[in-house]
Structure formats: structure tokens, C-alpha cells
N, C-alpha and C. Protein backbone atom coordinates (compact mmCIF):
# COMPACT_ATOMS: atom_id res chain seq x y z
N MET A 1 18.84 159.00 139.21
CA MET A 1 17.28 159.27 138.85
C MET A 1 17.03 160.66 138.77
N GLU A 2 16.52 160.89 137.71
CA GLU A 2 15.82 162.16 137.20
C GLU A 2 14.70 162.68 138.02
N ALA A 3 14.49 164.11 138.08
CA ALA A 3 13.36 164.60 138.84
C ALA A 3 12.29 164.08 138.44
N GLU A 4 11.77 164.00 136.96
CA GLU A 4 10.49 163.18 136.74
C GLU A 4 10.16 162.04 137.16
N GLU A 5 11.37 161.16 137.08
CA GLU A 5 11.43 159.55 137.60
C GLU A 5 11.13 159.47 138.99
N VAL A 6 12.01 160.60 139.88
CA VAL A 6 11.40 160.59 141.22
C VAL A 6 9.90 160.90 141.61
N LYS A 7 9.47 161.92 140.77
CA LYS A 7 7.97 162.21 141.05
C LYS A 7 7.13 161.11 140.91
N THR A 8 7.50 160.07 139.57
CA THR A 8 6.47 159.33 139.44
C THR A 8 6.60 158.07 140.47
N ALA A 9 7.87 157.74 141.09
CA ALA A 9 8.27 156.78 141.95
C ALA A 9 7.12 157.44 143.09
N GLU A 10 7.39 158.70 143.53
CA GLU A 10 6.35 159.21 144.89
C GLU A 10 4.85 159.10 144.13
N SER A 11 4.68 159.59 143.35
CA SER A 11 3.22 159.12 143.04
C SER A 11 2.65 157.80 143.33
N GLN A 12 3.48 156.56 142.79
CA GLN A 12 3.29 155.49 142.71
C GLN A 12 3.42 155.15 144.63
N GLU A 13 4.25 155.34 145.11
CA GLU A 13 4.39 155.15 146.52
C GLU A 13 3.25 155.77 147.32
N THR A 14 2.72 157.07 147.24
CA THR A 14 2.25 157.61 147.88
C THR A 14 0.57 157.61 147.58
N GLY A 15 0.26 157.34 146.33
CA GLY A 15 -0.81 157.29 145.65
C GLY A 15 -1.25 158.53 144.61
N LEU A 16 -1.68 158.30 143.74
CA LEU A 16 -1.97 159.47 142.49
C LEU A 16 -2.96 160.18 143.15
N ARG A 17 -3.90 159.78 143.76
CA ARG A 17 -5.30 160.62 144.43
C ARG A 17 -4.93 161.78 145.03
N SER A 18 -3.77 161.79 145.94
CA SER A 18 -3.37 162.50 146.96
C SER A 18 -2.82 163.65 145.98
N HIS A 19 -2.32 163.81 145.07
CA HIS A 19 -1.76 165.02 144.33
C HIS A 19 -2.64 165.56 143.15
N ILE A 20 -3.97 165.26 143.19
CA ILE A 20 -4.90 165.76 142.24
C ILE A 20 -5.51 166.93 143.04
N PRO A 21 -5.73 168.06 142.68
CA PRO A 21 -6.39 169.18 143.06
C PRO A 21 -7.45 168.86 143.39
N PHE A 22 -8.60 169.47 144.37
CA PHE A 22 -9.75 169.21 144.80
C PHE A 22 -10.94 169.36 143.55
N TRP A 23 -10.50 170.64 142.74
CA TRP A 23 -11.40 170.94 141.61
C TRP A 23 -11.34 169.88 140.51
N MET A 24 -10.23 169.23 140.65
CA MET A 24 -10.13 168.34 139.44
C MET A 24 -10.91 166.70 139.97
N LYS A 25 -11.48 166.57 141.24
CA LYS A 25 -11.41 165.23 141.59
C LYS A 25 -13.22 165.31 141.50
N SER A 26 -13.51 164.33 141.35
CA SER A 26 -15.25 164.10 141.05
C SER A 26 -15.84 163.98 142.66
N ASN A 27 -15.19 163.17 143.68
CA ASN A 27 -15.37 162.85 144.89
C ASN A 27 -14.48 163.25 145.74
N LEU A 28 -14.98 163.82 146.93
CA LEU A 28 -14.20 164.34 147.92
C LEU A 28 -14.42 163.74 149.26
N THR A 29 -13.21 163.70 150.29
CA THR A 29 -13.60 163.58 151.49
C THR A 29 -14.28 164.18 152.19
N ILE A 30 -14.86 164.33 153.52
CA ILE A 30 -15.39 165.23 154.10
C ILE A 30 -14.58 166.38 154.37
N GLU A 31 -12.90 166.04 154.75
CA GLU A 31 -12.27 167.07 155.02
C GLU A 31 -11.97 167.61 153.78
N GLU A 32 -11.73 167.32 152.63
CA GLU A 32 -11.38 167.93 151.38
C GLU A 32 -12.80 168.64 150.92
N ALA A 33 -13.74 168.25 151.09
CA ALA A 33 -15.44 168.81 150.86
C ALA A 33 -14.95 170.51 151.80
N ALA A 34 -14.73 170.27 152.91
CA ALA A 34 -14.92 171.38 153.91
C ALA A 34 -14.02 172.37 153.37
N ALA A 35 -12.92 172.01 152.95
CA ALA A 35 -11.53 172.89 152.67
C ALA A 35 -12.01 173.41 151.05
N TYR A 36 -12.45 172.53 150.45
CA TYR A 36 -13.01 173.19 149.30
C TYR A 36 -14.56 174.13 149.25
N SER A 37 -15.14 174.05 150.10
CA SER A 37 -16.32 174.70 150.52
C SER A 37 -16.59 175.80 151.23
N GLY A 38 -15.82 175.54 152.13
CA GLY A 38 -15.73 176.46 153.28
C GLY A 38 -16.74 176.25 154.51
N ILE A 39 -17.43 174.83 154.22
CA ILE A 39 -18.33 174.37 155.28
C ILE A 39 -17.62 173.60 156.03
N GLY A 40 -17.97 173.63 157.64
CA GLY A 40 -17.63 172.79 158.17
C GLY A 40 -17.66 171.30 158.39
N ARG A 41 -16.84 170.49 158.77
CA ARG A 41 -17.11 169.04 158.64
C ARG A 41 -18.35 168.72 159.38
N HIS A 42 -18.41 168.86 160.50
CA HIS A 42 -19.61 168.86 161.20
C HIS A 42 -20.95 169.04 160.35
N LYS A 43 -21.10 170.52 159.87
CA LYS A 43 -22.22 170.62 158.86
C LYS A 43 -22.18 169.72 157.76
N LEU A 44 -21.31 169.59 157.26
CA LEU A 44 -21.44 168.46 156.10
C LEU A 44 -21.73 167.13 156.49
N ARG A 45 -21.35 166.75 157.50
CA ARG A 45 -21.80 165.44 158.17
C ARG A 45 -23.11 165.39 158.37
N GLU A 46 -23.53 166.45 158.73
CA GLU A 46 -25.09 166.61 159.04
C GLU A 46 -26.03 166.60 158.05
N LEU A 47 -25.56 167.30 157.12
CA LEU A 47 -26.29 167.20 155.70
C LEU A 47 -26.18 165.87 155.04
N THR A 48 -25.01 165.56 154.97
CA THR A 48 -25.21 164.06 154.40
C THR A 48 -25.54 163.00 155.17
N ASP A 49 -26.14 163.09 156.56
CA ASP A 49 -26.65 162.19 157.29
C ASP A 49 -28.01 161.64 156.80
N ASN A 50 -28.74 162.77 156.07
CA ASN A 50 -29.90 162.85 155.52
C ASN A 50 -29.84 161.78 154.34
N GLU A 51 -30.85 160.92 154.43
CA GLU A 51 -30.79 159.98 153.27
C GLU A 51 -31.25 160.54 151.91
N ASN A 52 -31.81 161.59 151.92
CA ASN A 52 -32.25 162.05 150.51
C ASN A 52 -31.08 163.00 150.22
N CYS A 53 -30.07 162.91 150.98
CA CYS A 53 -29.03 163.98 150.21
C CYS A 53 -28.50 163.35 148.84
N SER A 54 -28.42 164.33 147.90
CA SER A 54 -28.04 164.09 146.82
C SER A 54 -26.74 163.96 146.25
N PHE A 55 -25.89 164.37 147.24
CA PHE A 55 -24.57 164.43 146.95
C PHE A 55 -23.65 163.87 147.60
N VAL A 56 -24.06 163.05 148.45
CA VAL A 56 -23.25 161.92 149.06
C VAL A 56 -23.12 160.48 148.40
N LEU A 57 -22.07 160.08 148.42
CA LEU A 57 -21.74 158.66 147.64
C LEU A 57 -21.32 157.71 149.07
N TRP A 58 -22.00 156.71 149.50
CA TRP A 58 -21.38 155.76 150.30
C TRP A 58 -20.47 154.73 149.83
N VAL A 59 -19.52 154.64 150.36
CA VAL A 59 -18.62 153.52 149.77
C VAL A 59 -18.43 152.61 151.14
N GLY A 60 -19.14 151.76 151.53
CA GLY A 60 -19.28 151.07 152.81
C GLY A 60 -19.65 151.94 153.69
N SER A 61 -18.71 152.04 154.73
CA SER A 61 -19.07 153.24 155.95
C SER A 61 -18.62 154.28 155.46
N LYS A 62 -17.60 154.80 154.20
CA LYS A 62 -17.06 155.75 154.15
C LYS A 62 -18.06 156.64 153.10
N ARG A 63 -17.93 157.85 153.56
CA ARG A 63 -18.91 158.86 153.08
C ARG A 63 -17.91 159.80 151.96
N LEU A 64 -18.28 160.15 150.52
CA LEU A 64 -17.62 160.52 149.88
C LEU A 64 -18.63 161.82 149.38
N ILE A 65 -18.29 162.93 148.75
CA ILE A 65 -18.81 163.97 148.41
C ILE A 65 -18.91 164.07 147.14
N LYS A 66 -20.10 164.05 146.33
CA LYS A 66 -19.93 164.15 144.88
C LYS A 66 -19.69 165.77 144.61
N ARG A 67 -18.67 166.35 144.28
CA ARG A 67 -18.52 167.66 143.75
C ARG A 67 -19.31 168.34 143.14
N ARG A 68 -19.45 167.80 142.09
CA ARG A 68 -20.43 168.74 141.10
C ARG A 68 -21.56 168.91 141.65
N LEU A 69 -22.25 167.74 142.53
CA LEU A 69 -23.29 168.01 142.87
C LEU A 69 -23.61 168.73 144.05
N LEU A 70 -22.50 168.84 144.77
CA LEU A 70 -22.65 169.59 145.87
C LEU A 70 -22.38 171.32 145.57
N ASP A 71 -21.75 171.41 144.41
CA ASP A 71 -21.62 172.78 143.93
C ASP A 71 -23.20 173.24 143.43
N GLN A 72 -24.09 172.21 142.98
CA GLN A 72 -25.45 172.80 142.53
C GLN A 72 -26.33 172.99 143.67
N PHE A 73 -25.90 172.05 144.70
CA PHE A 73 -26.85 172.21 145.85
C PHE A 73 -26.65 173.26 146.48
N LEU A 74 -25.24 174.07 146.49
CA LEU A 74 -25.06 175.17 147.17
C LEU A 74 -25.38 176.28 146.21
N ASP A 75 -25.52 176.34 145.06
CA ASP A 75 -25.80 177.35 144.41
C ASP A 75 -27.26 177.54 144.32
N ASN A 76 -28.19 176.52 144.92
CA ASN A 76 -29.51 176.84 144.97
C ASN A 76 -30.17 176.97 146.33
N MET A 77 -28.95 177.19 147.05
CA MET A 77 -29.18 177.55 148.43
C MET A 77 -28.98 179.07 149.05
N TYR A 78 -29.91 179.48 149.90
CA TYR A 78 -29.72 180.78 150.36
C TYR A 78 -28.93 180.42 151.82
N SER A 79 -29.35 179.65 152.74
CA SER A 79 -28.63 179.42 153.85
C SER A 79 -28.51 178.08 154.28
N ILE A 80 -27.74 177.32 155.12
CA ILE A 80 -27.66 175.92 155.17
C ILE A 80 -27.52 175.97 156.98
């Protein structure tokens, strides 16, 4: 099996989403958003608990962070 075929098989087995860099994803998990932004997981959960939070996307009970809206939010903040 060639290297490209192995890589494709690994992607199918582990899920393609895990190989996409943070800055290319539309939505991030809390852990990914913390690594991406430098904001702690606890603070991100606190911010996204607010029902008026514009950058949270709830998928059932799972919360995802809308990366572009998080960037806009942070651009307009002095402190959080």
C-alpha cells in the first residue's frame, strides 16, 4: 500500500475532521477554541453559558464555538 493510500485509510478510520487545522474549521470544540484563542476552557464555558452569546452553537448538549464570530467578539473586547 502506498503512503497516500495509507493516509486516506487513516483519514477514513479516525475521521477527516481531526486532521483539519483549527484556523480552517468553521466550528471548534471548547478545547480547540481554548488552544486557538489562548482563553481558558472555564472562561469559554462561562462566556458561552450566556444565552445571548453570539459565537456559541449548541448541537444537542454539545457546545461548539463559531470561530469567525469568536474572532470578531475578541476583536471588539478590551478585557473578558
